[in-house]
């Protein structure tokens, strides 16, 4: 059995104070939003309580599906790198970026590139995942990390957008590579977990926050297959499915990992997936853990099982 933990959208608090030059353009609106509203939601005891609970959960691996930062300040990426290293060794933690991690255009080495050890992966044609190299640019997505029976496939939907947009895009090059990689992994009978920030289903987010090429992503999954798709972005729990050549792949979203209860959204949760081979496919036991009203600890809110054709 392999246990995978999934959390998303931590929106790390203690936002560094930007310089006047850094507030030019889109960042000024994000900074105002943080100070007037989002700080009260995300900057508090919830995320430390989640991490403390996660340390006792016995997970073999942790997946974080983006929005670690808030307005993409270089100092935020530096703090996020330290937070990720505190979360676990890079070999045991996998990250994909979200739209807040591409809030504005920041040089790779000063932004998401700082997290490269958590996004290292095998090259196409590498059958056992033994040779992992860090993602060196946005053009290197998707990456694949093999961990036991599980293949973690990291997709980036993060790209700088206009002031009013929080949408994401996979892009034709990444979609083509994703389909090739998933097909190859399917031949190896791996349990393929696609990690993506934006939900790939229509209607799960307002138009300005949607995955703009979601239909093309869904078509790639329909042709190549996957066993599980995990996302964040909406700050809501979600369970749906996508067609695959062998049946369906569950698509599951989690709320923000740091959120207090607030109107219109959900309090913080993370999921544990206990993955095991079964006759004709896979069995996945899912445990939903949520923050208690005291905000200082997490407990089990639900359990359910998934049977996935192999």
C-alpha atoms as a PDB file:
ATOM      1  CA  UNK A   1       0.000   0.000   0.000  1.00  0.00           C
ATOM      2  CA  UNK A   2       1.196   3.504  -0.889  1.00  0.00           C
ATOM      3  CA  UNK A   3      -0.154   6.520   1.026  1.00  0.00           C
ATOM      4  CA  UNK A   4      -0.273   9.852  -0.788  1.00  0.00           C
ATOM      5  CA  UNK A   5      -1.240  13.093   0.987  1.00  0.00           C
ATOM      6  CA  UNK A   6      -2.700  15.955  -1.051  1.00  0.00           C
ATOM      7  CA  UNK A   7      -3.004  19.582   0.003  1.00  0.00           C
ATOM      8  CA  UNK A   8      -3.365  22.797  -1.965  1.00  0.00           C
ATOM      9  CA  UNK A   9      -3.529  26.585  -1.884  1.00  0.00           C
ATOM     10  CA  UNK A  10      -1.702  27.235   1.406  1.00  0.00           C
ATOM     11  CA  UNK A  11      -1.270  30.944   0.548  1.00  0.00           C
ATOM     12  CA  UNK A  12       1.563  31.339   3.038  1.00  0.00           C
ATOM     13  CA  UNK A  13       1.045  34.151   5.499  1.00  0.00           C
ATOM     14  CA  UNK A  14       3.402  36.808   6.822  1.00  0.00           C
ATOM     15  CA  UNK A  15       3.405  38.361   3.369  1.00  0.00           C
ATOM     16  CA  UNK A  16       6.610  40.389   2.876  1.00  0.00           C
ATOM     17  CA  UNK A  17       6.084  44.138   2.564  1.00  0.00           C
ATOM     18  CA  UNK A  18       6.523  45.021  -1.122  1.00  0.00           C
ATOM     19  CA  UNK A  19       8.558  47.982  -2.301  1.00  0.00           C
ATOM     20  CA  UNK A  20       6.666  50.724  -4.164  1.00  0.00           C
ATOM     21  CA  UNK A  21       8.182  49.481  -7.433  1.00  0.00           C
ATOM     22  CA  UNK A  22       6.945  45.948  -6.759  1.00  0.00           C
ATOM     23  CA  UNK A  23       3.381  47.227  -6.355  1.00  0.00           C
ATOM     24  CA  UNK A  24       3.209  48.634  -9.862  1.00  0.00           C
ATOM     25  CA  UNK A  25       0.567  46.889 -11.955  1.00  0.00           C
ATOM     26  CA  UNK A  26      -1.415  43.841 -10.859  1.00  0.00           C
ATOM     27  CA  UNK A  27       0.345  43.312  -7.528  1.00  0.00           C
ATOM     28  CA  UNK A  28      -1.213  46.394  -5.943  1.00  0.00           C
ATOM     29  CA  UNK A  29      -4.674  44.833  -6.223  1.00  0.00           C
ATOM     30  CA  UNK A  30      -3.477  41.518  -4.823  1.00  0.00           C
ATOM     31  CA  UNK A  31      -1.742  43.248  -1.933  1.00  0.00           C
ATOM     32  CA  UNK A  32      -4.873  45.230  -1.086  1.00  0.00           C
ATOM     33  CA  UNK A  33      -6.930  42.032  -1.230  1.00  0.00           C
ATOM     34  CA  UNK A  34      -4.483  40.341   1.146  1.00  0.00           C
ATOM     35  CA  UNK A  35      -4.494  43.161   3.687  1.00  0.00           C
ATOM     36  CA  UNK A  36      -8.252  43.789   3.590  1.00  0.00           C
ATOM     37  CA  UNK A  37      -9.597  40.216   3.369  1.00  0.00           C
ATOM     38  CA  UNK A  38      -7.329  37.260   2.659  1.00  0.00           C
ATOM     39  CA  UNK A  39      -4.896  37.796   5.539  1.00  0.00           C
ATOM     40  CA  UNK A  40      -7.663  37.169   8.067  1.00  0.00           C
ATOM     41  CA  UNK A  41      -8.508  33.897   6.306  1.00  0.00           C
ATOM     42  CA  UNK A  42      -5.074  32.405   5.635  1.00  0.00           C
ATOM     43  CA  UNK A  43      -2.589  33.911   8.086  1.00  0.00           C
ATOM     44  CA  UNK A  44      -3.236  32.074  11.336  1.00  0.00           C
ATOM     45  CA  UNK A  45      -3.026  28.761  13.184  1.00  0.00           C
ATOM     46  CA  UNK A  46      -4.708  26.508  10.606  1.00  0.00           C
ATOM     47  CA  UNK A  47      -1.774  25.661   8.330  1.00  0.00           C
ATOM     48  CA  UNK A  48       0.620  24.857  11.212  1.00  0.00           C
ATOM     49  CA  UNK A  49      -2.076  22.580  12.649  1.00  0.00           C
ATOM     50  CA  UNK A  50      -2.444  20.833   9.285  1.00  0.00           C
ATOM     51  CA  UNK A  51       1.299  20.256   8.992  1.00  0.00           C
ATOM     52  CA  UNK A  52       1.452  18.890  12.539  1.00  0.00           C
ATOM     53  CA  UNK A  53      -1.395  16.498  11.719  1.00  0.00           C
ATOM     54  CA  UNK A  54       0.239  15.487   8.444  1.00  0.00           C
ATOM     55  CA  UNK A  55       3.470  14.562  10.217  1.00  0.00           C
ATOM     56  CA  UNK A  56       1.525  11.948  12.185  1.00  0.00           C
ATOM     57  CA  UNK A  57      -0.400  10.615   9.189  1.00  0.00           C
ATOM     58  CA  UNK A  58       2.262   8.229   7.922  1.00  0.00           C
ATOM     59  CA  UNK A  59       2.141   9.403   4.311  1.00  0.00           C
ATOM     60  CA  UNK A  60       4.747   8.058   1.922  1.00  0.00           C
ATOM     61  CA  UNK A  61       4.563  11.191  -0.219  1.00  0.00           C
ATOM     62  CA  UNK A  62       2.995  14.671  -0.149  1.00  0.00           C
ATOM     63  CA  UNK A  63       1.588  16.492  -3.190  1.00  0.00           C
ATOM     64  CA  UNK A  64       0.986  20.266  -3.162  1.00  0.00           C
ATOM     65  CA  UNK A  65      -1.038  21.615  -6.091  1.00  0.00           C
ATOM     66  CA  UNK A  66      -0.050  25.265  -6.156  1.00  0.00           C
ATOM     67  CA  UNK A  67      -0.812  28.747  -4.839  1.00  0.00           C
ATOM     68  CA  UNK A  68       1.871  28.626  -2.198  1.00  0.00           C
ATOM     69  CA  UNK A  69       2.520  32.345  -2.670  1.00  0.00           C
ATOM     70  CA  UNK A  70       0.096  35.262  -2.945  1.00  0.00           C
ATOM     71  CA  UNK A  71       1.433  37.974  -5.272  1.00  0.00           C
ATOM     72  CA  UNK A  72       4.635  36.319  -6.551  1.00  0.00           C
ATOM     73  CA  UNK A  73       7.152  38.448  -4.705  1.00  0.00           C
ATOM     74  CA  UNK A  74      10.705  37.035  -4.922  1.00  0.00           C
ATOM     75  CA  UNK A  75      10.812  36.972  -1.107  1.00  0.00           C
ATOM     76  CA  UNK A  76       7.619  34.875  -1.108  1.00  0.00           C
ATOM     77  CA  UNK A  77       9.275  32.211  -3.263  1.00  0.00           C
ATOM     78  CA  UNK A  78      12.268  32.167  -0.922  1.00  0.00           C
ATOM     79  CA  UNK A  79       9.986  31.670   2.095  1.00  0.00           C
ATOM     80  CA  UNK A  80       7.993  29.051   0.216  1.00  0.00           C
ATOM     81  CA  UNK A  81      11.156  27.091  -0.515  1.00  0.00           C
ATOM     82  CA  UNK A  82      11.977  27.021   3.202  1.00  0.00           C
ATOM     83  CA  UNK A  83       8.401  25.962   3.994  1.00  0.00           C
ATOM     84  CA  UNK A  84       8.565  23.126   1.467  1.00  0.00           C
ATOM     85  CA  UNK A  85      11.849  21.878   2.899  1.00  0.00           C
ATOM     86  CA  UNK A  86      10.298  21.911   6.350  1.00  0.00           C
ATOM     87  CA  UNK A  87       7.382  19.922   4.940  1.00  0.00           C
ATOM     88  CA  UNK A  88       9.720  17.151   3.835  1.00  0.00           C
ATOM     89  CA  UNK A  89      12.699  16.079   1.784  1.00  0.00           C
ATOM     90  CA  UNK A  90      12.318  17.048  -1.893  1.00  0.00           C
ATOM     91  CA  UNK A  91      12.256  13.355  -2.802  1.00  0.00           C
ATOM     92  CA  UNK A  92       9.097  12.938  -0.680  1.00  0.00           C
ATOM     93  CA  UNK A  93       7.276  16.178  -1.640  1.00  0.00           C
ATOM     94  CA  UNK A  94       6.008  17.086  -5.108  1.00  0.00           C
ATOM     95  CA  UNK A  95       4.797  20.550  -6.129  1.00  0.00           C
ATOM     96  CA  UNK A  96       3.089  22.101  -9.136  1.00  0.00           C
ATOM     97  CA  UNK A  97       2.560  25.880  -9.393  1.00  0.00           C
ATOM     98  CA  UNK A  98      -0.755  27.734  -9.316  1.00  0.00           C
ATOM     99  CA  UNK A  99      -1.930  31.048 -10.730  1.00  0.00           C
ATOM    100  CA  UNK A 100      -0.812  32.998  -7.642  1.00  0.00           C
ATOM    101  CA  UNK A 101       2.662  31.554  -8.197  1.00  0.00           C
ATOM    102  CA  UNK A 102       2.596  33.273 -11.603  1.00  0.00           C
ATOM    103  CA  UNK A 103       0.742  36.387 -10.459  1.00  0.00           C
ATOM    104  CA  UNK A 104       3.148  38.523 -12.480  1.00  0.00           C
ATOM    105  CA  UNK A 105       6.140  37.630 -14.627  1.00  0.00           C
ATOM    106  CA  UNK A 106       9.163  36.897 -12.410  1.00  0.00           C
ATOM    107  CA  UNK A 107      12.449  35.365 -13.635  1.00  0.00           C
ATOM    108  CA  UNK A 108      12.469  31.565 -13.279  1.00  0.00           C
ATOM    109  CA  UNK A 109      15.443  31.461 -10.907  1.00  0.00           C
ATOM    110  CA  UNK A 110      13.770  33.965  -8.572  1.00  0.00           C
ATOM    111  CA  UNK A 111      10.350  32.332  -8.620  1.00  0.00           C
ATOM    112  CA  UNK A 112       9.119  28.778  -9.232  1.00  0.00           C
ATOM    113  CA  UNK A 113      12.631  27.712 -10.188  1.00  0.00           C
ATOM    114  CA  UNK A 114      13.533  27.840  -6.503  1.00  0.00           C
ATOM    115  CA  UNK A 115      11.252  24.806  -6.060  1.00  0.00           C
ATOM    116  CA  UNK A 116      12.970  22.753  -8.789  1.00  0.00           C
ATOM    117  CA  UNK A 117      14.117  19.981  -6.382  1.00  0.00           C
ATOM    118  CA  UNK A 118      10.433  19.328  -5.643  1.00  0.00           C
ATOM    119  CA  UNK A 119       9.649  19.106  -9.365  1.00  0.00           C
ATOM    120  CA  UNK A 120      12.462  16.849 -10.548  1.00  0.00           C
ATOM    121  CA  UNK A 121      11.385  14.039 -12.827  1.00  0.00           C
ATOM    122  CA  UNK A 122      12.394  11.370 -15.274  1.00  0.00           C
ATOM    123  CA  UNK A 123      12.867  12.137 -18.943  1.00  0.00           C
ATOM    124  CA  UNK A 124      10.667  10.615 -21.638  1.00  0.00           C
ATOM    125  CA  UNK A 125      11.634   7.002 -22.232  1.00  0.00           C
ATOM    126  CA  UNK A 126      12.972   6.525 -18.683  1.00  0.00           C
ATOM    127  CA  UNK A 127      11.062   3.426 -17.622  1.00  0.00           C
ATOM    128  CA  UNK A 128      11.978   3.178 -13.945  1.00  0.00           C
ATOM    129  CA  UNK A 129      12.265   6.826 -12.876  1.00  0.00           C
ATOM    130  CA  UNK A 130      15.807   6.279 -11.602  1.00  0.00           C
ATOM    131  CA  UNK A 131      17.259   9.285 -13.428  1.00  0.00           C
ATOM    132  CA  UNK A 132      15.550  12.445 -12.180  1.00  0.00           C
ATOM    133  CA  UNK A 133      16.520  15.935 -13.265  1.00  0.00           C
ATOM    134  CA  UNK A 134      15.000  19.169 -11.931  1.00  0.00           C
ATOM    135  CA  UNK A 135      12.574  21.119 -14.087  1.00  0.00           C
ATOM    136  CA  UNK A 136      14.711  23.891 -15.565  1.00  0.00           C
ATOM    137  CA  UNK A 137      12.030  26.088 -17.172  1.00  0.00           C
ATOM    138  CA  UNK A 138       8.306  26.368 -17.703  1.00  0.00           C
ATOM    139  CA  UNK A 139       8.817  24.444 -20.945  1.00  0.00           C
ATOM    140  CA  UNK A 140       9.900  21.310 -19.055  1.00  0.00           C
ATOM    141  CA  UNK A 141       6.415  20.456 -17.795  1.00  0.00           C
ATOM    142  CA  UNK A 142       4.959  17.903 -17.395  1.00  0.00           C
ATOM    143  CA  UNK A 143       7.423  16.023 -15.207  1.00  0.00           C
ATOM    144  CA  UNK A 144       7.058  12.470 -13.905  1.00  0.00           C
ATOM    145  CA  UNK A 145       8.193  11.095 -10.547  1.00  0.00           C
ATOM    146  CA  UNK A 146       7.993   7.344  -9.933  1.00  0.00           C
ATOM    147  CA  UNK A 147       7.380   6.336  -6.318  1.00  0.00           C
ATOM    148  CA  UNK A 148       6.675   2.648  -5.863  1.00  0.00           C
ATOM    149  CA  UNK A 149       3.557   1.754  -7.902  1.00  0.00           C
ATOM    150  CA  UNK A 150       2.649   5.446  -8.272  1.00  0.00           C
ATOM    151  CA  UNK A 151       3.646   7.812 -11.077  1.00  0.00           C
ATOM    152  CA  UNK A 152       3.138  11.467 -10.138  1.00  0.00           C
ATOM    153  CA  UNK A 153       2.648  13.558 -13.277  1.00  0.00           C
ATOM    154  CA  UNK A 154       3.112  17.275 -12.625  1.00  0.00           C
ATOM    155  CA  UNK A 155       1.291  19.674 -14.961  1.00  0.00           C
ATOM    156  CA  UNK A 156       1.668  23.466 -14.889  1.00  0.00           C
ATOM    157  CA  UNK A 157      -1.303  25.724 -15.618  1.00  0.00           C
ATOM    158  CA  UNK A 158       0.439  28.805 -14.233  1.00  0.00           C
ATOM    159  CA  UNK A 159       1.115  31.790 -16.465  1.00  0.00           C
ATOM    160  CA  UNK A 160       0.918  35.555 -15.862  1.00  0.00           C
ATOM    161  CA  UNK A 161      -2.503  36.971 -16.697  1.00  0.00           C
ATOM    162  CA  UNK A 162      -4.289  40.321 -16.757  1.00  0.00           C
ATOM    163  CA  UNK A 163      -5.501  42.070 -13.625  1.00  0.00           C
ATOM    164  CA  UNK A 164      -8.974  40.541 -13.846  1.00  0.00           C
ATOM    165  CA  UNK A 165      -7.928  36.981 -14.753  1.00  0.00           C
ATOM    166  CA  UNK A 166      -6.991  34.000 -12.579  1.00  0.00           C
ATOM    167  CA  UNK A 167      -7.358  31.534 -15.446  1.00  0.00           C
ATOM    168  CA  UNK A 168      -4.840  28.868 -16.361  1.00  0.00           C
ATOM    169  CA  UNK A 169      -3.615  27.098 -19.476  1.00  0.00           C
ATOM    170  CA  UNK A 170      -1.753  23.858 -20.129  1.00  0.00           C
ATOM    171  CA  UNK A 171      -0.730  24.703 -23.686  1.00  0.00           C
ATOM    172  CA  UNK A 172      -0.401  22.505 -26.799  1.00  0.00           C
ATOM    173  CA  UNK A 173       3.220  21.490 -26.238  1.00  0.00           C
ATOM    174  CA  UNK A 174       2.628  20.369 -22.678  1.00  0.00           C
ATOM    175  CA  UNK A 175      -0.615  18.615 -23.645  1.00  0.00           C
ATOM    176  CA  UNK A 176       1.174  16.592 -26.321  1.00  0.00           C
ATOM    177  CA  UNK A 177       3.934  15.622 -23.877  1.00  0.00           C
ATOM    178  CA  UNK A 178       1.353  14.789 -21.215  1.00  0.00           C
ATOM    179  CA  UNK A 179      -0.462  12.394 -23.533  1.00  0.00           C
ATOM    180  CA  UNK A 180       2.800  10.679 -24.494  1.00  0.00           C
ATOM    181  CA  UNK A 181       3.894  10.314 -20.889  1.00  0.00           C
ATOM    182  CA  UNK A 182       0.549   8.983 -19.692  1.00  0.00           C
ATOM    183  CA  UNK A 183       0.429   6.470 -22.541  1.00  0.00           C
ATOM    184  CA  UNK A 184       3.947   5.274 -21.728  1.00  0.00           C
ATOM    185  CA  UNK A 185       3.152   4.962 -18.018  1.00  0.00           C
ATOM    186  CA  UNK A 186      -0.054   3.104 -18.808  1.00  0.00           C
ATOM    187  CA  UNK A 187       1.968   0.456 -20.639  1.00  0.00           C
ATOM    188  CA  UNK A 188       4.045   0.088 -17.476  1.00  0.00           C
ATOM    189  CA  UNK A 189       0.878  -0.480 -15.394  1.00  0.00           C
ATOM    190  CA  UNK A 190       1.699   2.472 -13.137  1.00  0.00           C
ATOM    191  CA  UNK A 191      -0.937   4.166 -10.981  1.00  0.00           C
ATOM    192  CA  UNK A 192      -0.929   7.554 -12.729  1.00  0.00           C
ATOM    193  CA  UNK A 193      -1.742  10.584 -10.547  1.00  0.00           C
ATOM    194  CA  UNK A 194      -2.023  13.837 -12.505  1.00  0.00           C
ATOM    195  CA  UNK A 195      -1.330  16.912 -10.380  1.00  0.00           C
ATOM    196  CA  UNK A 196      -2.794  20.158 -11.736  1.00  0.00           C
ATOM    197  CA  UNK A 197      -3.810  23.436 -10.088  1.00  0.00           C
ATOM    198  CA  UNK A 198      -6.931  24.434 -12.040  1.00  0.00           C
ATOM    199  CA  UNK A 199      -9.880  22.016 -12.098  1.00  0.00           C
ATOM    200  CA  UNK A 200     -10.068  20.472 -15.589  1.00  0.00           C
ATOM    201  CA  UNK A 201     -13.868  20.290 -15.644  1.00  0.00           C
ATOM    202  CA  UNK A 202     -16.251  22.937 -16.998  1.00  0.00           C
ATOM    203  CA  UNK A 203     -18.340  24.919 -14.540  1.00  0.00           C
ATOM    204  CA  UNK A 204     -16.095  24.301 -11.534  1.00  0.00           C
ATOM    205  CA  UNK A 205     -14.783  27.867 -11.524  1.00  0.00           C
ATOM    206  CA  UNK A 206     -16.024  31.237 -12.844  1.00  0.00           C
ATOM    207  CA  UNK A 207     -15.021  31.985 -16.424  1.00  0.00           C
ATOM    208  CA  UNK A 208     -12.179  34.280 -15.409  1.00  0.00           C
ATOM    209  CA  UNK A 209     -10.730  31.496 -13.243  1.00  0.00           C
ATOM    210  CA  UNK A 210     -11.188  28.516 -15.558  1.00  0.00           C
ATOM    211  CA  UNK A 211      -8.702  26.290 -17.325  1.00  0.00           C
ATOM    212  CA  UNK A 212      -8.928  27.775 -20.805  1.00  0.00           C
ATOM    213  CA  UNK A 213      -7.913  24.569 -22.614  1.00  0.00           C
ATOM    214  CA  UNK A 214      -9.765  22.221 -20.297  1.00  0.00           C
ATOM    215  CA  UNK A 215     -11.474  20.488 -23.237  1.00  0.00           C
ATOM    216  CA  UNK A 216      -8.088  19.615 -24.762  1.00  0.00           C
ATOM    217  CA  UNK A 217      -6.861  18.332 -21.389  1.00  0.00           C
ATOM    218  CA  UNK A 218      -9.947  16.149 -21.007  1.00  0.00           C
ATOM    219  CA  UNK A 219      -9.435  14.793 -24.511  1.00  0.00           C
ATOM    220  CA  UNK A 220      -5.835  13.852 -23.691  1.00  0.00           C
ATOM    221  CA  UNK A 221      -6.975  11.960 -20.585  1.00  0.00           C
ATOM    222  CA  UNK A 222      -9.696  10.237 -22.617  1.00  0.00           C
ATOM    223  CA  UNK A 223      -7.094   8.962 -25.103  1.00  0.00           C
ATOM    224  CA  UNK A 224      -4.159   8.191 -22.788  1.00  0.00           C
ATOM    225  CA  UNK A 225      -5.821   7.447 -19.451  1.00  0.00           C
ATOM    226  CA  UNK A 226      -5.003   8.201 -15.825  1.00  0.00           C
ATOM    227  CA  UNK A 227      -6.043   6.703 -12.509  1.00  0.00           C
ATOM    228  CA  UNK A 228      -6.479   9.912 -10.485  1.00  0.00           C
ATOM    229  CA  UNK A 229      -6.491  13.684 -11.118  1.00  0.00           C
ATOM    230  CA  UNK A 230      -5.899  15.991  -8.134  1.00  0.00           C
ATOM    231  CA  UNK A 231      -6.377  19.771  -8.157  1.00  0.00           C
ATOM    232  CA  UNK A 232      -6.915  22.870  -6.002  1.00  0.00           C
ATOM    233  CA  UNK A 233      -7.712  26.483  -7.015  1.00  0.00           C
ATOM    234  CA  UNK A 234     -11.409  26.733  -6.115  1.00  0.00           C
ATOM    235  CA  UNK A 235     -10.912  26.473  -2.329  1.00  0.00           C
ATOM    236  CA  UNK A 236     -13.682  23.864  -2.378  1.00  0.00           C
ATOM    237  CA  UNK A 237     -13.944  20.103  -2.102  1.00  0.00           C
ATOM    238  CA  UNK A 238     -14.899  18.409  -5.337  1.00  0.00           C
ATOM    239  CA  UNK A 239     -15.413  14.896  -6.681  1.00  0.00           C
ATOM    240  CA  UNK A 240     -16.107  14.168 -10.356  1.00  0.00           C
ATOM    241  CA  UNK A 241     -14.737  11.875 -13.051  1.00  0.00           C
ATOM    242  CA  UNK A 242     -13.215  11.953 -16.524  1.00  0.00           C
ATOM    243  CA  UNK A 243     -13.579   9.253 -19.185  1.00  0.00           C
ATOM    244  CA  UNK A 244     -10.500   7.102 -19.867  1.00  0.00           C
ATOM    245  CA  UNK A 245      -9.893   4.160 -22.213  1.00  0.00           C
ATOM    246  CA  UNK A 246     -10.521   1.761 -19.303  1.00  0.00           C
ATOM    247  CA  UNK A 247     -13.385   3.532 -17.577  1.00  0.00           C
ATOM    248  CA  UNK A 248     -13.131   6.746 -15.568  1.00  0.00           C
ATOM    249  CA  UNK A 249     -10.523   8.679 -13.596  1.00  0.00           C
ATOM    250  CA  UNK A 250     -11.712  10.354 -10.374  1.00  0.00           C
ATOM    251  CA  UNK A 251     -11.071  14.110 -10.310  1.00  0.00           C
ATOM    252  CA  UNK A 252     -10.772  15.370  -6.738  1.00  0.00           C
ATOM    253  CA  UNK A 253     -10.207  18.879  -5.402  1.00  0.00           C
ATOM    254  CA  UNK A 254      -9.392  20.126  -1.913  1.00  0.00           C
ATOM    255  CA  UNK A 255     -10.034  23.475  -0.184  1.00  0.00           C
ATOM    256  CA  UNK A 256      -7.232  25.814   0.851  1.00  0.00           C
ATOM    257  CA  UNK A 257      -4.884  24.195   3.357  1.00  0.00           C
ATOM    258  CA  UNK A 258      -4.784  27.349   5.490  1.00  0.00           C
ATOM    259  CA  UNK A 259      -8.380  28.583   5.431  1.00  0.00           C
ATOM    260  CA  UNK A 260     -10.452  29.430   8.457  1.00  0.00           C
ATOM    261  CA  UNK A 261     -14.199  28.936   7.859  1.00  0.00           C
ATOM    262  CA  UNK A 262     -15.509  31.886   5.837  1.00  0.00           C
ATOM    263  CA  UNK A 263     -18.651  32.634   3.783  1.00  0.00           C
ATOM    264  CA  UNK A 264     -18.899  30.994   0.387  1.00  0.00           C
ATOM    265  CA  UNK A 265     -15.866  28.740   0.796  1.00  0.00           C
ATOM    266  CA  UNK A 266     -14.820  25.739   2.867  1.00  0.00           C
ATOM    267  CA  UNK A 267     -12.568  25.368   5.863  1.00  0.00           C
ATOM    268  CA  UNK A 268      -9.150  23.767   5.451  1.00  0.00           C
ATOM    269  CA  UNK A 269      -8.909  20.107   4.508  1.00  0.00           C
ATOM    270  CA  UNK A 270      -6.364  17.710   3.138  1.00  0.00           C
ATOM    271  CA  UNK A 271      -6.750  14.174   1.804  1.00  0.00           C
ATOM    272  CA  UNK A 272      -4.955  10.890   2.350  1.00  0.00           C
ATOM    273  CA  UNK A 273      -5.059   8.346  -0.478  1.00  0.00           C
ATOM    274  CA  UNK A 274      -4.144   4.762   0.422  1.00  0.00           C
ATOM    275  CA  UNK A 275      -3.458   3.085  -2.913  1.00  0.00           C
ATOM    276  CA  UNK A 276      -3.283  -0.677  -3.361  1.00  0.00           C
ATOM    277  CA  UNK A 277      -3.436  -3.074  -6.301  1.00  0.00           C
ATOM    278  CA  UNK A 278      -6.665  -5.056  -6.560  1.00  0.00           C
ATOM    279  CA  UNK A 279      -8.092  -7.681  -8.871  1.00  0.00           C
ATOM    280  CA  UNK A 280      -8.513  -6.049 -12.258  1.00  0.00           C
ATOM    281  CA  UNK A 281      -7.214  -2.675 -11.152  1.00  0.00           C
ATOM    282  CA  UNK A 282      -6.741  -0.576  -8.046  1.00  0.00           C
ATOM    283  CA  UNK A 283      -8.459   0.148  -4.741  1.00  0.00           C
ATOM    284  CA  UNK A 284      -8.032   3.596  -3.170  1.00  0.00           C
ATOM    285  CA  UNK A 285      -9.142   4.360   0.381  1.00  0.00           C
ATOM    286  CA  UNK A 286      -9.667   8.113   0.771  1.00  0.00           C
ATOM    287  CA  UNK A 287      -9.579   9.881   4.137  1.00  0.00           C
ATOM    288  CA  UNK A 288     -10.713  13.509   4.362  1.00  0.00           C
ATOM    289  CA  UNK A 289      -9.175  15.383   7.280  1.00  0.00           C
ATOM    290  CA  UNK A 290     -10.472  18.838   8.198  1.00  0.00           C
ATOM    291  CA  UNK A 291      -9.682  21.521  10.720  1.00  0.00           C
ATOM    292  CA  UNK A 292     -11.802  21.514  13.873  1.00  0.00           C
ATOM    293  CA  UNK A 293     -13.669  24.657  15.065  1.00  0.00           C
ATOM    294  CA  UNK A 294     -10.862  25.359  17.534  1.00  0.00           C
ATOM    295  CA  UNK A 295      -8.528  25.762  14.506  1.00  0.00           C
ATOM    296  CA  UNK A 296      -5.706  24.007  16.338  1.00  0.00           C
ATOM    297  CA  UNK A 297      -6.155  20.411  15.179  1.00  0.00           C
ATOM    298  CA  UNK A 298      -7.466  18.243  12.364  1.00  0.00           C
ATOM    299  CA  UNK A 299      -9.688  15.182  12.495  1.00  0.00           C
ATOM    300  CA  UNK A 300     -11.288  12.726  10.086  1.00  0.00           C
ATOM    301  CA  UNK A 301     -14.439  14.147   8.463  1.00  0.00           C
ATOM    302  CA  UNK A 302     -15.145  11.400   5.918  1.00  0.00           C
ATOM    303  CA  UNK A 303     -13.860   8.168   4.429  1.00  0.00           C
ATOM    304  CA  UNK A 304     -14.747   6.591   1.090  1.00  0.00           C
ATOM    305  CA  UNK A 305     -13.379   4.032  -1.347  1.00  0.00           C
ATOM    306  CA  UNK A 306     -12.639   4.205  -5.048  1.00  0.00           C
ATOM    307  CA  UNK A 307     -12.395   1.206  -7.363  1.00  0.00           C
ATOM    308  CA  UNK A 308     -10.377   2.039 -10.455  1.00  0.00           C
ATOM    309  CA  UNK A 309     -10.066  -0.225 -13.480  1.00  0.00           C
ATOM    310  CA  UNK A 310      -6.497  -1.208 -14.277  1.00  0.00           C
END
